[in-house]
């Protein structure tokens, strides 16, 4: 390993142990994450629940699990449960967009002010 490679590696390791200065760009990134995180968490959780519900309905229709739990007729309840899960999955994206739009509206002034300060510095 030549001298330049060693110096680069040393600098790379040193930067991991030095405290970073908290800049306005870091604050802007944190604020952006604060806007997006609740909408994303909701979409992941609601989407997972809707997939489980839809899968449960499909299982009732396609397998003998209904007879195992004591149901005589599983076709109609399975279709209804599957359609409910499918509708939940379909409305997940519009709900995500709505939550995100309301959060963006709520934090727009702060983000614009901070981004204007950052752009003004350059």
N, C-alpha and C. Protein backbone atom coordinates (compact mmCIF):
# COMPACT_ATOMS: atom_id res chain seq x y z
N UNK A 1 0.86 -1.18 0.00
CA UNK A 1 0.00 0.00 0.00
C UNK A 1 0.90 1.23 0.00
N UNK A 2 0.64 2.12 -0.95
CA UNK A 2 1.50 3.30 -1.03
C UNK A 2 1.08 4.35 0.00
N UNK A 3 1.86 5.37 0.08
CA UNK A 3 1.68 6.42 1.10
C UNK A 3 0.34 7.15 0.97
N UNK A 4 -0.09 7.45 -0.26
CA UNK A 4 -1.35 8.17 -0.48
C UNK A 4 -2.55 7.33 -0.03
N UNK A 5 -2.49 6.03 -0.32
CA UNK A 5 -3.58 5.15 0.10
C UNK A 5 -3.66 5.06 1.62
N UNK A 6 -2.51 5.01 2.26
CA UNK A 6 -2.48 4.96 3.71
C UNK A 6 -3.07 6.23 4.31
N UNK A 7 -2.69 7.38 3.77
CA UNK A 7 -3.21 8.64 4.29
C UNK A 7 -4.72 8.74 4.09
N UNK A 8 -5.20 8.27 2.93
CA UNK A 8 -6.64 8.29 2.67
C UNK A 8 -7.36 7.40 3.68
N UNK A 9 -6.83 6.22 3.93
CA UNK A 9 -7.46 5.30 4.87
C UNK A 9 -7.45 5.87 6.28
N UNK A 10 -6.35 6.50 6.67
CA UNK A 10 -6.25 7.11 8.00
C UNK A 10 -7.30 8.22 8.13
N UNK A 11 -7.43 9.07 7.12
CA UNK A 11 -8.41 10.16 7.16
C UNK A 11 -9.84 9.60 7.23
N UNK A 12 -10.09 8.56 6.49
CA UNK A 12 -11.42 7.95 6.49
C UNK A 12 -11.77 7.42 7.89
N UNK A 13 -10.82 6.78 8.54
CA UNK A 13 -11.05 6.26 9.88
C UNK A 13 -11.20 7.41 10.88
N UNK A 14 -10.38 8.44 10.75
CA UNK A 14 -10.44 9.58 11.68
C UNK A 14 -11.79 10.29 11.62
N UNK A 15 -12.36 10.41 10.44
CA UNK A 15 -13.64 11.11 10.32
C UNK A 15 -14.76 10.38 11.05
N UNK A 16 -14.62 9.09 11.24
CA UNK A 16 -15.63 8.33 11.97
C UNK A 16 -15.63 8.67 13.46
N UNK A 17 -14.52 9.19 13.95
CA UNK A 17 -14.38 9.45 15.38
C UNK A 17 -14.42 10.93 15.74
N UNK A 18 -14.56 11.77 14.79
CA UNK A 18 -14.68 13.20 15.08
C UNK A 18 -16.15 13.58 15.09
N UNK A 19 -16.47 14.56 15.92
CA UNK A 19 -17.85 15.02 16.01
C UNK A 19 -18.16 15.87 14.79
N UNK A 20 -19.31 15.59 14.21
CA UNK A 20 -19.72 16.37 13.05
C UNK A 20 -20.48 17.59 13.50
N UNK A 21 -20.29 18.65 12.78
CA UNK A 21 -21.01 19.90 13.06
C UNK A 21 -22.42 19.77 12.48
N UNK A 22 -23.40 20.12 13.27
CA UNK A 22 -24.79 20.06 12.82
C UNK A 22 -25.08 21.28 11.95
N UNK A 23 -25.30 21.05 10.67
CA UNK A 23 -25.51 22.14 9.73
C UNK A 23 -27.00 22.34 9.45
N UNK A 24 -27.30 23.40 8.73
CA UNK A 24 -28.68 23.66 8.35
C UNK A 24 -29.18 22.60 7.37
N UNK A 25 -28.29 22.05 6.57
CA UNK A 25 -28.68 20.99 5.65
C UNK A 25 -29.12 19.75 6.42
N UNK A 26 -28.43 19.45 7.51
CA UNK A 26 -28.83 18.33 8.36
C UNK A 26 -30.21 18.59 8.96
N UNK A 27 -30.45 19.82 9.38
CA UNK A 27 -31.76 20.18 9.94
C UNK A 27 -32.85 20.06 8.89
N UNK A 28 -32.54 20.43 7.65
CA UNK A 28 -33.51 20.32 6.56
C UNK A 28 -33.82 18.85 6.26
N UNK A 29 -32.81 18.01 6.27
CA UNK A 29 -33.02 16.58 6.05
C UNK A 29 -33.88 15.98 7.16
N UNK A 30 -33.62 16.37 8.40
CA UNK A 30 -34.41 15.87 9.53
C UNK A 30 -35.86 16.32 9.43
N UNK A 31 -36.07 17.56 9.05
CA UNK A 31 -37.42 18.09 8.89
C UNK A 31 -38.16 17.36 7.77
N UNK A 32 -37.46 17.08 6.68
CA UNK A 32 -38.06 16.34 5.56
C UNK A 32 -38.45 14.93 6.01
N UNK A 33 -37.59 14.29 6.78
CA UNK A 33 -37.91 12.95 7.29
C UNK A 33 -39.09 13.02 8.26
N UNK A 34 -39.17 14.08 9.04
CA UNK A 34 -40.28 14.26 9.98
C UNK A 34 -41.61 14.39 9.23
N UNK A 35 -41.57 14.96 8.05
CA UNK A 35 -42.77 15.10 7.23
C UNK A 35 -43.18 13.74 6.66
N UNK A 36 -42.22 12.99 6.14
CA UNK A 36 -42.52 11.76 5.40
C UNK A 36 -42.73 10.52 6.28
N UNK A 37 -42.08 10.46 7.42
CA UNK A 37 -42.10 9.24 8.22
C UNK A 37 -43.49 8.78 8.65
N UNK A 38 -44.37 9.64 9.19
CA UNK A 38 -45.69 9.16 9.60
C UNK A 38 -46.52 8.58 8.46
N UNK A 39 -46.44 9.20 7.29
CA UNK A 39 -47.18 8.70 6.13
C UNK A 39 -46.64 7.34 5.70
N UNK A 40 -45.33 7.18 5.70
CA UNK A 40 -44.74 5.90 5.31
C UNK A 40 -45.05 4.80 6.31
N UNK A 41 -44.95 5.10 7.59
CA UNK A 41 -45.26 4.10 8.62
C UNK A 41 -46.72 3.66 8.50
N UNK A 42 -47.62 4.63 8.32
CA UNK A 42 -49.02 4.29 8.16
C UNK A 42 -49.22 3.38 6.94
N UNK A 43 -48.61 3.74 5.82
CA UNK A 43 -48.79 2.96 4.59
C UNK A 43 -48.26 1.54 4.75
N UNK A 44 -47.12 1.38 5.39
CA UNK A 44 -46.57 0.03 5.59
C UNK A 44 -47.47 -0.81 6.49
N UNK A 45 -47.91 -0.24 7.59
CA UNK A 45 -48.74 -0.99 8.53
C UNK A 45 -50.10 -1.30 7.93
N UNK A 46 -50.76 -0.29 7.36
CA UNK A 46 -52.09 -0.48 6.78
C UNK A 46 -52.03 -1.45 5.60
N UNK A 47 -50.98 -1.34 4.78
CA UNK A 47 -50.81 -2.26 3.66
C UNK A 47 -50.58 -3.69 4.11
N UNK A 48 -49.80 -3.87 5.17
CA UNK A 48 -49.57 -5.22 5.68
C UNK A 48 -50.84 -5.83 6.23
N UNK A 49 -51.60 -5.03 6.98
CA UNK A 49 -52.86 -5.53 7.53
C UNK A 49 -53.84 -5.89 6.41
N UNK A 50 -53.90 -5.05 5.39
CA UNK A 50 -54.83 -5.34 4.28
C UNK A 50 -54.40 -6.59 3.53
N UNK A 51 -53.10 -6.81 3.38
CA UNK A 51 -52.63 -8.03 2.71
C UNK A 51 -52.96 -9.27 3.53
N UNK A 52 -52.84 -9.16 4.85
CA UNK A 52 -53.19 -10.30 5.71
C UNK A 52 -54.67 -10.60 5.63
N UNK A 53 -55.50 -9.56 5.62
CA UNK A 53 -56.95 -9.77 5.52
C UNK A 53 -57.30 -10.38 4.17
N UNK A 54 -56.73 -9.87 3.11
CA UNK A 54 -57.00 -10.42 1.78
C UNK A 54 -56.53 -11.87 1.70
N UNK A 55 -55.38 -12.15 2.25
CA UNK A 55 -54.87 -13.52 2.26
C UNK A 55 -55.73 -14.46 3.09
N UNK A 56 -56.29 -13.94 4.16
CA UNK A 56 -57.18 -14.78 4.98
C UNK A 56 -58.42 -15.16 4.19
N UNK A 57 -58.98 -14.21 3.46
CA UNK A 57 -60.14 -14.51 2.62
C UNK A 57 -59.80 -15.52 1.54
N UNK A 58 -58.64 -15.36 0.94
CA UNK A 58 -58.22 -16.31 -0.10
C UNK A 58 -58.02 -17.70 0.49
N UNK A 59 -57.50 -17.76 1.70
CA UNK A 59 -57.29 -19.06 2.35
C UNK A 59 -58.61 -19.76 2.64
N UNK A 60 -59.61 -18.97 3.03
CA UNK A 60 -60.92 -19.58 3.27
C UNK A 60 -61.49 -20.17 1.99
N UNK A 61 -61.30 -19.49 0.88
CA UNK A 61 -61.86 -19.95 -0.39
C UNK A 61 -61.07 -21.13 -0.94
N UNK A 62 -59.75 -21.08 -0.86
CA UNK A 62 -58.92 -22.04 -1.59
C UNK A 62 -58.47 -23.25 -0.79
N UNK A 63 -58.59 -23.23 0.51
CA UNK A 63 -58.11 -24.35 1.31
C UNK A 63 -59.24 -24.89 2.18
N UNK A 64 -58.93 -25.90 2.94
CA UNK A 64 -59.93 -26.49 3.84
C UNK A 64 -59.79 -25.96 5.27
N UNK A 65 -59.17 -24.80 5.43
CA UNK A 65 -58.98 -24.24 6.77
C UNK A 65 -60.32 -23.89 7.41
N UNK A 66 -61.32 -23.53 6.59
CA UNK A 66 -62.65 -23.21 7.12
C UNK A 66 -63.29 -24.40 7.78
N UNK A 67 -63.15 -25.55 7.16
CA UNK A 67 -63.74 -26.75 7.78
C UNK A 67 -62.97 -27.14 9.03
N UNK A 68 -61.71 -26.83 9.08
CA UNK A 68 -60.90 -27.12 10.27
C UNK A 68 -61.38 -26.30 11.46
N UNK A 69 -61.80 -25.06 11.21
CA UNK A 69 -62.27 -24.21 12.32
C UNK A 69 -63.78 -24.31 12.52
N UNK A 70 -64.43 -25.19 11.76
CA UNK A 70 -65.84 -25.47 12.00
C UNK A 70 -66.82 -24.74 11.11
N UNK A 71 -66.36 -24.17 10.02
CA UNK A 71 -67.28 -23.49 9.10
C UNK A 71 -67.74 -24.49 8.04
N UNK A 72 -69.06 -24.50 7.77
CA UNK A 72 -69.57 -25.41 6.75
C UNK A 72 -69.38 -24.81 5.36
N UNK A 73 -69.77 -23.55 5.19
CA UNK A 73 -69.66 -22.88 3.90
C UNK A 73 -68.61 -21.78 4.02
N UNK A 74 -67.54 -21.88 3.24
CA UNK A 74 -66.45 -20.90 3.34
C UNK A 74 -66.33 -20.00 2.12
N UNK A 75 -67.03 -20.31 1.05
CA UNK A 75 -66.86 -19.55 -0.19
C UNK A 75 -67.31 -18.10 -0.03
N UNK A 76 -68.54 -17.87 0.41
CA UNK A 76 -69.07 -16.50 0.52
C UNK A 76 -68.30 -15.66 1.54
N UNK A 77 -68.07 -16.17 2.78
CA UNK A 77 -67.29 -15.36 3.73
C UNK A 77 -65.85 -15.10 3.24
N UNK A 78 -65.28 -16.09 2.58
CA UNK A 78 -63.92 -15.93 2.06
C UNK A 78 -63.84 -14.86 1.00
N UNK A 79 -64.82 -14.85 0.10
CA UNK A 79 -64.84 -13.82 -0.94
C UNK A 79 -65.04 -12.44 -0.33
N UNK A 80 -65.96 -12.33 0.62
CA UNK A 80 -66.22 -11.04 1.27
C UNK A 80 -64.98 -10.53 2.00
N UNK A 81 -64.34 -11.41 2.76
CA UNK A 81 -63.13 -11.01 3.50
C UNK A 81 -62.01 -10.63 2.53
N UNK A 82 -61.85 -11.40 1.46
CA UNK A 82 -60.83 -11.10 0.46
C UNK A 82 -61.06 -9.76 -0.23
N UNK A 83 -62.33 -9.47 -0.56
CA UNK A 83 -62.64 -8.20 -1.22
C UNK A 83 -62.41 -7.03 -0.27
N UNK A 84 -62.76 -7.20 1.00
CA UNK A 84 -62.49 -6.14 1.99
C UNK A 84 -60.99 -5.85 2.07
N UNK A 85 -60.17 -6.90 2.12
CA UNK A 85 -58.72 -6.72 2.15
C UNK A 85 -58.20 -6.07 0.88
N UNK A 86 -58.79 -6.44 -0.26
CA UNK A 86 -58.39 -5.86 -1.52
C UNK A 86 -58.74 -4.37 -1.58
N UNK A 87 -59.92 -4.01 -1.10
CA UNK A 87 -60.32 -2.60 -1.07
C UNK A 87 -59.41 -1.80 -0.15
N UNK A 88 -59.04 -2.39 0.97
CA UNK A 88 -58.11 -1.71 1.87
C UNK A 88 -56.77 -1.47 1.18
N UNK A 89 -56.30 -2.47 0.42
CA UNK A 89 -55.03 -2.32 -0.29
C UNK A 89 -55.14 -1.25 -1.37
N UNK A 90 -56.30 -1.17 -2.01
CA UNK A 90 -56.48 -0.19 -3.08
C UNK A 90 -56.48 1.23 -2.52
N UNK A 91 -57.12 1.44 -1.37
CA UNK A 91 -57.19 2.80 -0.83
C UNK A 91 -55.94 3.19 -0.05
N UNK A 92 -55.02 2.28 0.13
CA UNK A 92 -53.81 2.58 0.90
C UNK A 92 -53.01 3.71 0.25
N UNK A 93 -52.79 3.66 -1.05
CA UNK A 93 -51.98 4.69 -1.70
C UNK A 93 -52.63 6.07 -1.64
N UNK A 94 -53.93 6.20 -1.97
CA UNK A 94 -54.54 7.53 -1.83
C UNK A 94 -54.50 8.07 -0.39
N UNK A 95 -54.66 7.18 0.58
CA UNK A 95 -54.58 7.63 1.98
C UNK A 95 -53.17 8.09 2.30
N UNK A 96 -52.16 7.37 1.82
CA UNK A 96 -50.76 7.76 2.02
C UNK A 96 -50.51 9.14 1.42
N UNK A 97 -50.99 9.35 0.20
CA UNK A 97 -50.81 10.65 -0.45
C UNK A 97 -51.52 11.76 0.33
N UNK A 98 -52.70 11.48 0.87
CA UNK A 98 -53.42 12.48 1.64
C UNK A 98 -52.70 12.86 2.92
N UNK A 99 -52.20 11.87 3.63
CA UNK A 99 -51.45 12.13 4.86
C UNK A 99 -50.19 12.94 4.53
N UNK A 100 -49.49 12.54 3.47
CA UNK A 100 -48.27 13.22 3.08
C UNK A 100 -48.56 14.67 2.67
N UNK A 101 -49.65 14.88 1.94
CA UNK A 101 -50.00 16.24 1.51
C UNK A 101 -50.32 17.12 2.71
N UNK A 102 -51.04 16.58 3.69
CA UNK A 102 -51.37 17.40 4.87
C UNK A 102 -50.12 17.72 5.69
N UNK A 103 -49.19 16.76 5.78
CA UNK A 103 -47.95 17.01 6.52
C UNK A 103 -47.08 18.02 5.78
N UNK A 104 -47.05 17.92 4.45
CA UNK A 104 -46.28 18.89 3.67
C UNK A 104 -46.84 20.29 3.85
N UNK A 105 -48.15 20.39 3.85
CA UNK A 105 -48.79 21.70 4.04
C UNK A 105 -48.46 22.26 5.42
N UNK A 106 -48.44 21.39 6.42
CA UNK A 106 -48.18 21.81 7.79
C UNK A 106 -46.75 22.33 7.97
N UNK A 107 -45.79 21.68 7.31
CA UNK A 107 -44.38 22.03 7.50
C UNK A 107 -43.78 22.83 6.35
N UNK A 108 -44.59 23.22 5.38
CA UNK A 108 -44.07 23.90 4.18
C UNK A 108 -43.34 25.19 4.53
N UNK A 109 -43.90 25.99 5.43
CA UNK A 109 -43.27 27.27 5.78
C UNK A 109 -41.89 27.07 6.39
N UNK A 110 -41.78 26.12 7.30
CA UNK A 110 -40.49 25.87 7.94
C UNK A 110 -39.46 25.37 6.93
N UNK A 111 -39.87 24.46 6.06
CA UNK A 111 -38.95 23.91 5.08
C UNK A 111 -38.51 24.98 4.08
N UNK A 112 -39.45 25.79 3.62
CA UNK A 112 -39.11 26.84 2.67
C UNK A 112 -38.17 27.87 3.30
N UNK A 113 -38.42 28.24 4.55
CA UNK A 113 -37.57 29.20 5.24
C UNK A 113 -36.15 28.67 5.38
N UNK A 114 -36.05 27.42 5.82
CA UNK A 114 -34.74 26.82 6.02
C UNK A 114 -34.01 26.61 4.69
N UNK A 115 -34.72 26.19 3.66
CA UNK A 115 -34.06 26.00 2.36
C UNK A 115 -33.64 27.34 1.75
N UNK A 116 -34.42 28.38 1.97
CA UNK A 116 -34.02 29.71 1.49
C UNK A 116 -32.75 30.19 2.20
N UNK A 117 -32.63 29.90 3.50
CA UNK A 117 -31.42 30.26 4.23
C UNK A 117 -30.21 29.53 3.70
N UNK A 118 -30.40 28.24 3.37
CA UNK A 118 -29.29 27.44 2.86
C UNK A 118 -28.87 27.94 1.49
N UNK A 119 -29.82 28.19 0.64
CA UNK A 119 -29.52 28.67 -0.71
C UNK A 119 -28.91 30.07 -0.66
N UNK A 120 -29.37 30.90 0.28
CA UNK A 120 -28.83 32.25 0.41
C UNK A 120 -27.40 32.29 0.86
N UNK A 121 -26.93 31.23 1.54
CA UNK A 121 -25.55 31.19 2.03
C UNK A 121 -24.56 31.00 0.90
N UNK A 122 -24.97 30.36 -0.18
CA UNK A 122 -24.02 30.00 -1.24
C UNK A 122 -23.64 31.17 -2.07
